[in-house]
Structure formats: structure tokens, C-alpha cells
C-alpha atoms as a PDB file:
ATOM      1  CA  MET A   1      31.927 -26.550  73.890  1.00  0.00           C
ATOM      2  CA  ASN A   2      31.812 -26.695  69.821  1.00  0.00           C
ATOM      3  CA  ALA A   3      28.076 -26.134  69.046  1.00  0.00           C
ATOM      4  CA  SER A   4      28.685 -28.172  65.737  1.00  0.00           C
ATOM      5  CA  ASP A   5      29.952 -31.033  67.355  1.00  0.00           C
ATOM      6  CA  PRO A   6      27.095 -33.860  67.363  1.00  0.00           C
ATOM      7  CA  ASN A   7      28.690 -35.733  70.125  1.00  0.00           C
ATOM      8  CA  VAL A   8      28.603 -33.054  72.851  1.00  0.00           C
ATOM      9  CA  PRO A   9      25.370 -30.834  73.966  1.00  0.00           C
ATOM     10  CA  ALA A  10      25.039 -27.656  71.732  1.00  0.00           C
ATOM     11  CA  THR A  11      25.280 -25.242  74.885  1.00  0.00           C
ATOM     12  CA  ASP A  12      25.792 -25.325  78.370  1.00  0.00           C
ATOM     13  CA  PRO A  13      22.637 -25.470  80.194  1.00  0.00           C
ATOM     14  CA  PRO A  14      22.129 -23.270  83.460  1.00  0.00           C
ATOM     15  CA  VAL A  15      22.587 -25.072  86.554  1.00  0.00           C
ATOM     16  CA  SER A  16      19.080 -24.676  87.433  1.00  0.00           C
ATOM     17  CA  SER A  17      18.091 -26.585  84.387  1.00  0.00           C
ATOM     18  CA  ALA A  18      20.436 -29.520  84.662  1.00  0.00           C
ATOM     19  CA  PRO A  19      18.764 -32.815  85.596  1.00  0.00           C
ATOM     20  CA  LEU A  20      19.754 -34.975  88.652  1.00  0.00           C
ATOM     21  CA  ILE A  21      21.119 -38.210  87.262  1.00  0.00           C
ATOM     22  CA  GLY A  22      21.608 -41.184  89.763  1.00  0.00           C
ATOM     23  CA  ILE A  23      24.523 -43.465  89.290  1.00  0.00           C
ATOM     24  CA  THR A  24      24.718 -46.699  91.142  1.00  0.00           C
ATOM     25  CA  THR A  25      28.230 -47.293  92.869  1.00  0.00           C
ATOM     26  CA  TYR A  26      30.465 -49.905  94.136  1.00  0.00           C
ATOM     27  CA  LEU A  27      31.163 -51.304  97.372  1.00  0.00           C
ATOM     28  CA  GLU A  28      34.200 -52.785  98.098  1.00  0.00           C
ATOM     29  CA  GLN A  29      37.134 -53.054 100.328  1.00  0.00           C
ATOM     30  CA  ALA A  30      39.116 -49.826  99.739  1.00  0.00           C
ATOM     31  CA  GLN A  31      42.422 -48.639 100.821  1.00  0.00           C
ATOM     32  CA  THR A  32      43.111 -44.713 101.198  1.00  0.00           C
ATOM     33  CA  GLY A  33      45.776 -43.157 103.415  1.00  0.00           C
ATOM     34  CA  VAL A  34      45.667 -45.146 106.646  1.00  0.00           C
ATOM     35  CA  TRP A  35      42.193 -46.676 106.264  1.00  0.00           C
ATOM     36  CA  ASP A  36      41.359 -49.855 104.776  1.00  0.00           C
ATOM     37  CA  VAL A  37      37.488 -50.289 105.086  1.00  0.00           C
ATOM     38  CA  PRO A  38      34.302 -51.093 102.976  1.00  0.00           C
ATOM     39  CA  ALA A  39      33.634 -48.098 100.916  1.00  0.00           C
ATOM     40  CA  SER A  40      31.415 -46.983  98.173  1.00  0.00           C
ATOM     41  CA  PHE A  41      33.129 -45.429  95.287  1.00  0.00           C
ATOM     42  CA  LEU A  42      32.827 -45.046  91.313  1.00  0.00           C
ATOM     43  CA  PRO A  43      35.367 -44.328  88.858  1.00  0.00           C
ATOM     44  CA  LYS A  44      35.437 -40.551  88.191  1.00  0.00           C
ATOM     45  CA  VAL A  45      34.814 -41.090  84.282  1.00  0.00           C
ATOM     46  CA  TYR A  46      31.308 -41.733  85.042  1.00  0.00           C
ATOM     47  CA  LEU A  47      30.633 -38.352  86.709  1.00  0.00           C
ATOM     48  CA  ASP A  48      32.431 -36.658  83.823  1.00  0.00           C
ATOM     49  CA  ALA A  49      30.324 -38.396  81.251  1.00  0.00           C
ATOM     50  CA  VAL A  50      27.268 -37.004  83.070  1.00  0.00           C
ATOM     51  CA  THR A  51      28.645 -33.406  83.541  1.00  0.00           C
ATOM     52  CA  ASP A  52      29.978 -33.243  80.136  1.00  0.00           C
ATOM     53  CA  ALA A  53      26.424 -34.044  78.850  1.00  0.00           C
ATOM     54  CA  GLY A  54      24.882 -31.152  80.963  1.00  0.00           C
ATOM     55  CA  GLY A  55      23.664 -33.357  83.960  1.00  0.00           C
ATOM     56  CA  ILE A  56      24.378 -33.416  87.854  1.00  0.00           C
ATOM     57  CA  ALA A  57      25.515 -36.783  88.971  1.00  0.00           C
ATOM     58  CA  VAL A  58      24.196 -38.129  92.126  1.00  0.00           C
ATOM     59  CA  LEU A  59      26.150 -41.201  93.430  1.00  0.00           C
ATOM     60  CA  LEU A  60      23.697 -44.198  94.717  1.00  0.00           C
ATOM     61  CA  PRO A  61      25.549 -46.664  97.029  1.00  0.00           C
ATOM     62  CA  PRO A  62      24.262 -50.022  97.765  1.00  0.00           C
ATOM     63  CA  GLN A  63      21.980 -50.087 100.875  1.00  0.00           C
ATOM     64  CA  PRO A  64      18.899 -51.918 102.211  1.00  0.00           C
ATOM     65  CA  VAL A  65      16.259 -51.444  99.924  1.00  0.00           C
ATOM     66  CA  THR A  66      12.328 -52.269  99.532  1.00  0.00           C
ATOM     67  CA  ARG A  67      10.189 -51.439  96.709  1.00  0.00           C
ATOM     68  CA  ALA A  68       9.144 -48.330  98.683  1.00  0.00           C
ATOM     69  CA  VAL A  69      12.645 -47.182  99.134  1.00  0.00           C
ATOM     70  CA  ALA A  70      13.532 -47.493  95.597  1.00  0.00           C
ATOM     71  CA  ALA A  71      10.553 -45.586  94.516  1.00  0.00           C
ATOM     72  CA  SER A  72      11.349 -42.806  97.028  1.00  0.00           C
ATOM     73  CA  VAL A  73      14.866 -42.281  95.683  1.00  0.00           C
ATOM     74  CA  LEU A  74      13.907 -42.265  92.241  1.00  0.00           C
ATOM     75  CA  ALA A  75      11.151 -39.596  92.779  1.00  0.00           C
ATOM     76  CA  ARG A  76      13.973 -37.356  93.720  1.00  0.00           C
ATOM     77  CA  LEU A  77      15.870 -37.943  90.439  1.00  0.00           C
ATOM     78  CA  ASP A  78      15.396 -37.134  86.633  1.00  0.00           C
ATOM     79  CA  GLY A  79      17.506 -40.213  85.373  1.00  0.00           C
ATOM     80  CA  LEU A  80      19.240 -43.271  86.350  1.00  0.00           C
ATOM     81  CA  ILE A  81      22.430 -45.066  85.398  1.00  0.00           C
ATOM     82  CA  VAL A  82      23.289 -48.704  86.254  1.00  0.00           C
ATOM     83  CA  SER A  83      26.925 -48.693  86.403  1.00  0.00           C
ATOM     84  CA  GLY A  84      29.366 -51.571  85.558  1.00  0.00           C
ATOM     85  CA  GLY A  85      31.240 -53.762  87.955  1.00  0.00           C
ATOM     86  CA  ALA A  86      31.047 -57.402  89.545  1.00  0.00           C
ATOM     87  CA  ASP A  87      29.399 -60.136  88.032  1.00  0.00           C
ATOM     88  CA  VAL A  88      25.588 -60.540  88.736  1.00  0.00           C
ATOM     89  CA  ASP A  89      24.679 -63.591  91.036  1.00  0.00           C
ATOM     90  CA  PRO A  90      23.988 -66.681  88.774  1.00  0.00           C
ATOM     91  CA  GLY A  91      21.436 -67.697  91.195  1.00  0.00           C
ATOM     92  CA  LEU A  92      19.186 -64.928  90.159  1.00  0.00           C
ATOM     93  CA  TYR A  93      18.560 -66.409  86.880  1.00  0.00           C
ATOM     94  CA  GLY A  94      18.825 -70.125  88.080  1.00  0.00           C
ATOM     95  CA  GLN A  95      22.292 -71.318  87.444  1.00  0.00           C
ATOM     96  CA  VAL A  96      25.156 -72.643  89.385  1.00  0.00           C
ATOM     97  CA  ALA A  97      28.224 -70.619  89.627  1.00  0.00           C
ATOM     98  CA  HIS A  98      30.960 -70.970  86.880  1.00  0.00           C
ATOM     99  CA  PRO A  99      34.500 -71.515  88.184  1.00  0.00           C
ATOM    100  CA  ARG A 100      35.387 -68.045  86.641  1.00  0.00           C
ATOM    101  CA  THR A 101      32.352 -66.069  88.010  1.00  0.00           C
ATOM    102  CA  GLY A 102      33.158 -63.658  90.928  1.00  0.00           C
ATOM    103  CA  ARG A 103      31.907 -63.654  94.150  1.00  0.00           C
ATOM    104  CA  PRO A 104      28.084 -62.412  94.352  1.00  0.00           C
ATOM    105  CA  ARG A 105      27.658 -58.860  95.586  1.00  0.00           C
ATOM    106  CA  THR A 106      24.079 -59.722  96.588  1.00  0.00           C
ATOM    107  CA  ASP A 107      23.545 -56.372  98.177  1.00  0.00           C
ATOM    108  CA  ARG A 108      24.538 -54.742  95.096  1.00  0.00           C
ATOM    109  CA  ASP A 109      22.055 -56.941  92.786  1.00  0.00           C
ATOM    110  CA  ALA A 110      19.243 -56.244  95.138  1.00  0.00           C
ATOM    111  CA  TRP A 111      19.771 -52.406  95.104  1.00  0.00           C
ATOM    112  CA  GLU A 112      20.142 -51.880  91.371  1.00  0.00           C
ATOM    113  CA  GLU A 113      17.278 -54.686  90.326  1.00  0.00           C
ATOM    114  CA  ALA A 114      14.966 -52.546  92.873  1.00  0.00           C
ATOM    115  CA  LEU A 115      15.893 -49.298  91.334  1.00  0.00           C
ATOM    116  CA  LEU A 116      15.754 -50.823  87.770  1.00  0.00           C
ATOM    117  CA  THR A 117      12.120 -52.002  88.546  1.00  0.00           C
ATOM    118  CA  ALA A 118      11.211 -48.799  90.056  1.00  0.00           C
ATOM    119  CA  ALA A 119      12.665 -46.661  86.971  1.00  0.00           C
ATOM    120  CA  ILE A 120      10.408 -49.135  84.493  1.00  0.00           C
ATOM    121  CA  ASP A 121       7.335 -48.375  86.889  1.00  0.00           C
ATOM    122  CA  ALA A 122       7.957 -44.636  86.811  1.00  0.00           C
ATOM    123  CA  GLU A 123       9.140 -44.369  83.162  1.00  0.00           C
ATOM    124  CA  LEU A 124      12.423 -42.789  84.456  1.00  0.00           C
ATOM    125  CA  PRO A 125      14.876 -42.580  81.815  1.00  0.00           C
ATOM    126  CA  PHE A 126      17.830 -45.180  82.437  1.00  0.00           C
ATOM    127  CA  LEU A 127      21.044 -46.097  80.757  1.00  0.00           C
ATOM    128  CA  GLY A 128      22.602 -49.239  81.911  1.00  0.00           C
ATOM    129  CA  ILE A 129      26.389 -49.865  81.483  1.00  0.00           C
ATOM    130  CA  CYS A 130      28.046 -53.433  81.261  1.00  0.00           C
ATOM    131  CA  ARG A 131      27.043 -54.914  84.473  1.00  0.00           C
ATOM    132  CA  GLY A 132      23.952 -52.543  84.035  1.00  0.00           C
ATOM    133  CA  ALA A 133      22.783 -54.452  80.824  1.00  0.00           C
ATOM    134  CA  GLN A 134      23.166 -57.632  82.286  1.00  0.00           C
ATOM    135  CA  LEU A 135      21.169 -56.908  85.362  1.00  0.00           C
ATOM    136  CA  LEU A 136      18.491 -55.377  83.400  1.00  0.00           C
ATOM    137  CA  ASN A 137      18.286 -58.591  81.313  1.00  0.00           C
ATOM    138  CA  VAL A 138      18.223 -60.759  84.276  1.00  0.00           C
ATOM    139  CA  ALA A 139      15.735 -58.351  86.495  1.00  0.00           C
ATOM    140  CA  LEU A 140      13.354 -58.932  83.258  1.00  0.00           C
ATOM    141  CA  GLY A 141      13.446 -62.589  83.109  1.00  0.00           C
ATOM    142  CA  GLY A 142      16.826 -63.173  80.926  1.00  0.00           C
ATOM    143  CA  THR A 143      19.966 -65.165  81.551  1.00  0.00           C
ATOM    144  CA  LEU A 144      23.981 -64.605  80.941  1.00  0.00           C
ATOM    145  CA  VAL A 145      26.787 -66.389  79.431  1.00  0.00           C
ATOM    146  CA  GLN A 146      28.825 -66.542  82.792  1.00  0.00           C
ATOM    147  CA  HIS A 147      32.054 -66.862  81.002  1.00  0.00           C
ATOM    148  CA  LEU A 148      32.340 -65.570  77.378  1.00  0.00           C
ATOM    149  CA  PRO A 149      35.713 -66.958  76.469  1.00  0.00           C
ATOM    150  CA  ASP A 150      33.790 -70.426  76.438  1.00  0.00           C
ATOM    151  CA  LEU A 151      31.683 -69.196  73.822  1.00  0.00           C
ATOM    152  CA  VAL A 152      33.744 -67.201  71.566  1.00  0.00           C
ATOM    153  CA  GLY A 153      37.239 -68.856  72.214  1.00  0.00           C
ATOM    154  CA  ASP A 154      39.410 -66.070  73.458  1.00  0.00           C
ATOM    155  CA  ASP A 155      39.914 -63.271  75.825  1.00  0.00           C
ATOM    156  CA  SER A 156      39.040 -60.573  73.391  1.00  0.00           C
ATOM    157  CA  PHE A 157      36.174 -59.016  75.231  1.00  0.00           C
ATOM    158  CA  GLN A 158      38.427 -58.759  78.388  1.00  0.00           C
ATOM    159  CA  PRO A 159      42.025 -58.881  77.250  1.00  0.00           C
ATOM    160  CA  GLY A 160      43.599 -58.389  80.760  1.00  0.00           C
ATOM    161  CA  ALA A 161      43.224 -56.600  84.055  1.00  0.00           C
ATOM    162  CA  GLY A 162      42.271 -53.126  83.339  1.00  0.00           C
ATOM    163  CA  VAL A 163      42.589 -53.474  79.668  1.00  0.00           C
ATOM    164  CA  PHE A 164      39.636 -52.582  77.555  1.00  0.00           C
ATOM    165  CA  GLY A 165      39.067 -54.673  74.101  1.00  0.00           C
ATOM    166  CA  PRO A 166      38.435 -52.575  71.172  1.00  0.00           C
ATOM    167  CA  LYS A 167      35.255 -54.119  69.140  1.00  0.00           C
ATOM    168  CA  THR A 168      33.352 -52.995  66.484  1.00  0.00           C
ATOM    169  CA  VAL A 169      29.530 -53.457  67.179  1.00  0.00           C
ATOM    170  CA  ALA A 170      26.713 -53.417  64.120  1.00  0.00           C
ATOM    171  CA  ILE A 171      23.740 -51.203  65.081  1.00  0.00           C
ATOM    172  CA  ASP A 172      20.406 -51.752  64.213  1.00  0.00           C
ATOM    173  CA  ALA A 173      19.262 -48.670  61.908  1.00  0.00           C
ATOM    174  CA  ASP A 174      15.822 -48.499  63.263  1.00  0.00           C
ATOM    175  CA  SER A 175      16.679 -48.372  67.117  1.00  0.00           C
ATOM    176  CA  ARG A 176      16.716 -45.686  69.614  1.00  0.00           C
ATOM    177  CA  LEU A 177      20.677 -46.351  69.764  1.00  0.00           C
ATOM    178  CA  ALA A 178      20.889 -45.336  66.206  1.00  0.00           C
ATOM    179  CA  ALA A 179      18.776 -42.303  66.610  1.00  0.00           C
ATOM    180  CA  LEU A 180      20.987 -41.098  69.462  1.00  0.00           C
ATOM    181  CA  LEU A 181      24.276 -41.874  67.643  1.00  0.00           C
ATOM    182  CA  ARG A 182      22.996 -39.668  64.447  1.00  0.00           C
ATOM    183  CA  GLN A 183      25.786 -41.046  62.080  1.00  0.00           C
ATOM    184  CA  ASP A 184      25.572 -42.361  58.422  1.00  0.00           C
ATOM    185  CA  ASP A 185      27.510 -45.740  59.352  1.00  0.00           C
ATOM    186  CA  ASP A 186      25.593 -48.325  61.083  1.00  0.00           C
ATOM    187  CA  GLU A 187      28.952 -49.672  62.903  1.00  0.00           C
ATOM    188  CA  LEU A 188      30.597 -48.185  65.956  1.00  0.00           C
ATOM    189  CA  ASP A 189      34.020 -48.831  67.498  1.00  0.00           C
ATOM    190  CA  VAL A 190      33.713 -49.318  71.152  1.00  0.00           C
ATOM    191  CA  HIS A 191      35.649 -50.323  74.570  1.00  0.00           C
ATOM    192  CA  VAL A 192      34.631 -53.723  76.058  1.00  0.00           C
ATOM    193  CA  TYR A 193      35.553 -55.260  79.132  1.00  0.00           C
ATOM    194  CA  HIS A 194      33.200 -58.127  80.162  1.00  0.00           C
ATOM    195  CA  HIS A 195      33.990 -61.830  80.292  1.00  0.00           C
ATOM    196  CA  GLN A 196      30.083 -62.612  80.840  1.00  0.00           C
ATOM    197  CA  SER A 197      27.256 -61.503  78.450  1.00  0.00           C
ATOM    198  CA  ILE A 198      23.635 -61.582  77.618  1.00  0.00           C
ATOM    199  CA  ASP A 199      22.420 -65.033  76.797  1.00  0.00           C
ATOM    200  CA  ARG A 200      18.574 -65.685  76.476  1.00  0.00           C
ATOM    201  CA  VAL A 201      17.113 -62.018  76.244  1.00  0.00           C
ATOM    202  CA  ALA A 202      14.245 -61.294  78.398  1.00  0.00           C
ATOM    203  CA  ASP A 203      10.718 -60.786  77.040  1.00  0.00           C
ATOM    204  CA  GLY A 204      10.025 -57.180  76.364  1.00  0.00           C
ATOM    205  CA  LEU A 205      13.838 -56.173  75.569  1.00  0.00           C
ATOM    206  CA  VAL A 206      15.079 -55.804  71.927  1.00  0.00           C
ATOM    207  CA  VAL A 207      18.430 -56.255  70.883  1.00  0.00           C
ATOM    208  CA  THR A 208      19.993 -53.433  68.964  1.00  0.00           C
ATOM    209  CA  ALA A 209      23.687 -53.984  68.688  1.00  0.00           C
ATOM    210  CA  ARG A 210      26.127 -57.044  68.359  1.00  0.00           C
ATOM    211  CA  THR A 211      29.653 -57.811  67.599  1.00  0.00           C
ATOM    212  CA  GLU A 212      30.884 -59.831  64.455  1.00  0.00           C
ATOM    213  CA  GLU A 213      30.965 -62.986  66.972  1.00  0.00           C
ATOM    214  CA  GLY A 214      27.289 -62.433  67.398  1.00  0.00           C
ATOM    215  CA  VAL A 215      27.855 -61.089  70.913  1.00  0.00           C
ATOM    216  CA  ILE A 216      24.766 -58.854  72.248  1.00  0.00           C
ATOM    217  CA  GLU A 217      26.262 -55.316  72.973  1.00  0.00           C
ATOM    218  CA  ALA A 218      22.928 -53.323  73.125  1.00  0.00           C
ATOM    219  CA  VAL A 219      19.518 -53.827  74.400  1.00  0.00           C
ATOM    220  CA  GLU A 220      16.318 -51.458  74.651  1.00  0.00           C
ATOM    221  CA  LEU A 221      13.259 -51.536  76.541  1.00  0.00           C
ATOM    222  CA  PRO A 222      10.776 -50.031  73.857  1.00  0.00           C
ATOM    223  CA  THR A 223       7.651 -49.718  76.461  1.00  0.00           C
ATOM    224  CA  VAL A 224       9.206 -46.938  78.094  1.00  0.00           C
ATOM    225  CA  PRO A 225      10.175 -43.321  76.877  1.00  0.00           C
ATOM    226  CA  PHE A 226      14.120 -44.117  77.246  1.00  0.00           C
ATOM    227  CA  GLY A 227      15.324 -47.223  78.406  1.00  0.00           C
ATOM    228  CA  LEU A 228      18.763 -48.230  76.660  1.00  0.00           C
ATOM    229  CA  ALA A 229      21.674 -50.513  77.980  1.00  0.00           C
ATOM    230  CA  VAL A 230      24.919 -51.237  76.465  1.00  0.00           C
ATOM    231  CA  GLN A 231      27.543 -53.861  77.501  1.00  0.00           C
ATOM    232  CA  TRP A 232      30.408 -51.735  76.542  1.00  0.00           C
ATOM    233  CA  HIS A 233      31.903 -48.669  78.173  1.00  0.00           C
ATOM    234  CA  PRO A 234      30.783 -45.534  76.726  1.00  0.00           C
ATOM    235  CA  GLU A 235      32.092 -43.543  79.645  1.00  0.00           C
ATOM    236  CA  GLU A 236      35.501 -44.174  78.526  1.00  0.00           C
ATOM    237  CA  GLU A 237      34.880 -42.512  75.388  1.00  0.00           C
ATOM    238  CA  THR A 238      35.702 -38.755  76.377  1.00  0.00           C
ATOM    239  CA  ALA A 239      35.259 -37.464  72.782  1.00  0.00           C
ATOM    240  CA  ASP A 240      31.733 -39.192  72.264  1.00  0.00           C
ATOM    241  CA  ARG A 241      29.093 -38.346  75.021  1.00  0.00           C
ATOM    242  CA  ARG A 242      26.153 -39.089  72.630  1.00  0.00           C
ATOM    243  CA  LEU A 243      24.561 -41.753  74.907  1.00  0.00           C
ATOM    244  CA  PHE A 244      24.766 -39.540  77.917  1.00  0.00           C
ATOM    245  CA  ALA A 245      23.542 -36.656  76.010  1.00  0.00           C
ATOM    246  CA  GLY A 246      20.620 -38.532  74.889  1.00  0.00           C
ATOM    247  CA  LEU A 247      19.947 -39.678  78.874  1.00  0.00           C
ATOM    248  CA  VAL A 248      20.261 -36.085  79.978  1.00  0.00           C
ATOM    249  CA  ASP A 249      18.114 -34.928  77.349  1.00  0.00           C
ATOM    250  CA  ALA A 250      15.404 -37.520  78.125  1.00  0.00           C
ATOM    251  CA  ALA A 251      15.718 -37.026  81.946  1.00  0.00           C
ATOM    252  CA  ARG A 252      15.015 -33.132  81.333  1.00  0.00           C
ATOM    253  CA  ARG A 253      12.097 -33.912  79.434  1.00  0.00           C
ATOM    254  CA  HIS A 254      10.829 -36.335  82.236  1.00  0.00           C
ATOM    255  CA  ARG A 255      11.155 -33.640  84.646  1.00  0.00           C
ATOM    256  CA  ASP A 256       9.619 -30.881  82.715  1.00  0.00           C
ATOM    257  CA  ALA A 257       6.596 -33.122  81.954  1.00  0.00           C
ATOM    258  CA  GLY A 258       6.341 -33.737  85.884  1.00  0.00           C
ATOM    259  CA  THR A 259       6.453 -30.221  86.676  1.00  0.00           C
ATOM    260  CA  THR A 260       4.089 -29.261  84.141  1.00  0.00           C
ATOM    261  CA  ALA A 261       1.683 -31.946  85.296  1.00  0.00           C
ATOM    262  CA  GLY A 262       2.030 -30.808  89.026  1.00  0.00           C
ATOM    263  CA  LEU A 263       1.422 -27.219  87.935  1.00  0.00           C
ATOM    264  CA  SER A 264      -1.794 -28.165  86.065  1.00  0.00           C
ATOM    265  CA  THR A 265      -3.034 -30.083  89.330  1.00  0.00           C
ATOM    266  CA  SER A 266      -2.008 -27.418  91.765  1.00  0.00           C
ATOM    267  CA  THR A 267      -3.818 -24.468  89.611  1.00  0.00           C
ATOM    268  CA  SER A 268      -7.055 -26.361  88.638  1.00  0.00           C
ATOM    269  CA  THR A 269     -10.055 -25.601  90.572  1.00  0.00           C
ATOM    270  CA  THR A 270     -13.062 -27.353  92.010  1.00  0.00           C
ATOM    271  CA  PRO A 271     -16.741 -26.210  91.996  1.00  0.00           C
ATOM    272  CA  GLY A 272     -17.343 -23.316  94.184  1.00  0.00           C
ATOM    273  CA  THR A 273     -13.848 -22.101  94.281  1.00  0.00           C
ATOM    274  CA  GLU A 274     -13.489 -20.431  90.633  1.00  0.00           C
ATOM    275  CA  SER A 275     -13.444 -16.889  92.183  1.00  0.00           C
ATOM    276  CA  ARG A 276     -10.392 -17.458  94.312  1.00  0.00           C
ATOM    277  CA  SER A 277      -7.200 -15.781  93.203  1.00  0.00           C
ATOM    278  CA  THR A 278      -4.087 -17.629  92.973  1.00  0.00           C
ATOM    279  CA  ALA A 279      -0.661 -16.705  94.096  1.00  0.00           C
ATOM    280  CA  PRO A 280       1.812 -15.466  91.365  1.00  0.00           C
END
């Protein structure tokens, strides 16, 4: 890696110091070889983005979940990414499905909502991407535009199947996003692929980037050390890993803070035990 490039970590950290980053996955009917079965999968670009930034990627497939299960999963991780994918169930924000809204993936909605809620409670660093940004807004009480062309009048945010739309977003100069990007310009060229978008912003979230059409493209949760979500697809920007590097750095700090707290607890003494020696 080039140590002078601000888009990538300056050095390759030792594996022992690399934080564990959980990434939520799809659960879809998939074909491979002779098999045509429901399967958990995730595009490799997400894994590359995490490992390029110095983290270790751990996949989190949809499965039955409770608050206790979600908390147990996150207790073993240092950071969380809620990935892109299928439309969020409009029933979660009190709306009837638009004709262009996809079939609900209720198992994934429940799994990811529980993980996000647990991450916020534990102040675990998290990054939402596309659907992840939308689900964060819904989980906190916001709503979505179910079919963006109805609002903007064209398909520029999702030009075609598997075709990303180029957009320029204006970034709030005082935001965490701007601090992560570390650039003089307050605009960023991004790849978008979403026909839904954040509508009414949930209480507690702050909008930090929009397109020229006014479409929200980034939100932040300022009550946690690192809570960021974007509706574009930064994993597709192979030459720009700044958001992932920011998440990995925050995850490392979160882990180290927990380790320090654990050591402080384990080495503290109680009355009458001061003379006991401790193991090295």
C-alpha cells in the first residue's frame, strides 16, 4: 500500500490487531453447479473493502433472532456493516406496498433491525450501505420513498439491472463523513443503485449528504462514537476505501477500549486481597 495515499490505511496492521467486522448477507434462491437452493451469499466487493482497510470480514446470514441473540453476536465483533439488497418491508413504516416494491424479506429485516438496535445500544461502530441506510432510518422510526422515480421523474438512481448510476453528492462540511473523507472539496462522485430512498428522517439521525435533486444520500447518528450510513455503494469504489478505513479504525478503538476496561476490572483488588500476587 502507498503510505501517502489518504484513501487507504498507511500500513498493513498485523493480523492479531485486525478488528472483526461483521457484514450482513443476502438469503436468496441461488444456483451453483447442480444445486438450486436457498443460500446465504454476499458480493465479494464487500469482503475486499473490509480486508483492504485492514479488517477481517465475518459474514452474518439472516436467521432467527432475539435481542439476546443479536447482543451475543455483536459481543464477538468489533464493528458491523449492514449491506445492500432487497427492499425494506413497507409494513415496518406503516405503508402499503407500492407496485414496484419488491417482495418483503421479513427474515432479513428482523435480523438486521435487531443487529442495528444492539449495535446502537452497545455503541459498536457500524456502517449502513444502501438498504442498510434505509433500514437504519426505518428502525429508528423514519419512512422511505418506495419508488424514487415517482419523486425525481427518471431512473437515474437505478438506470438498469446491474447498472450503477453516477451521482455527485454535496457533503455537510461539519459531518463525520466529511472528516473521514479528508478532502478540500465538499462534493463527492458516487455510484448509486436504489429505487427507494430515505423520506422522513428518523429522530436522532442527521442528514449529511444529498444529491442535487435533494435525495438524501448519507445520515449519521451523533449519539454513538461511529454510526454512519450511506445510500450509495462505497464498496464499488476500489480506489477509495476511506469509509471502510474509518469503520475499521473505529472498530479497533472500540475493541481496545473494551480490552482496557476488562484488564482494569481483572487486576483491581478488593479489601483484604492487596497482598496477593497476580499472574503476569
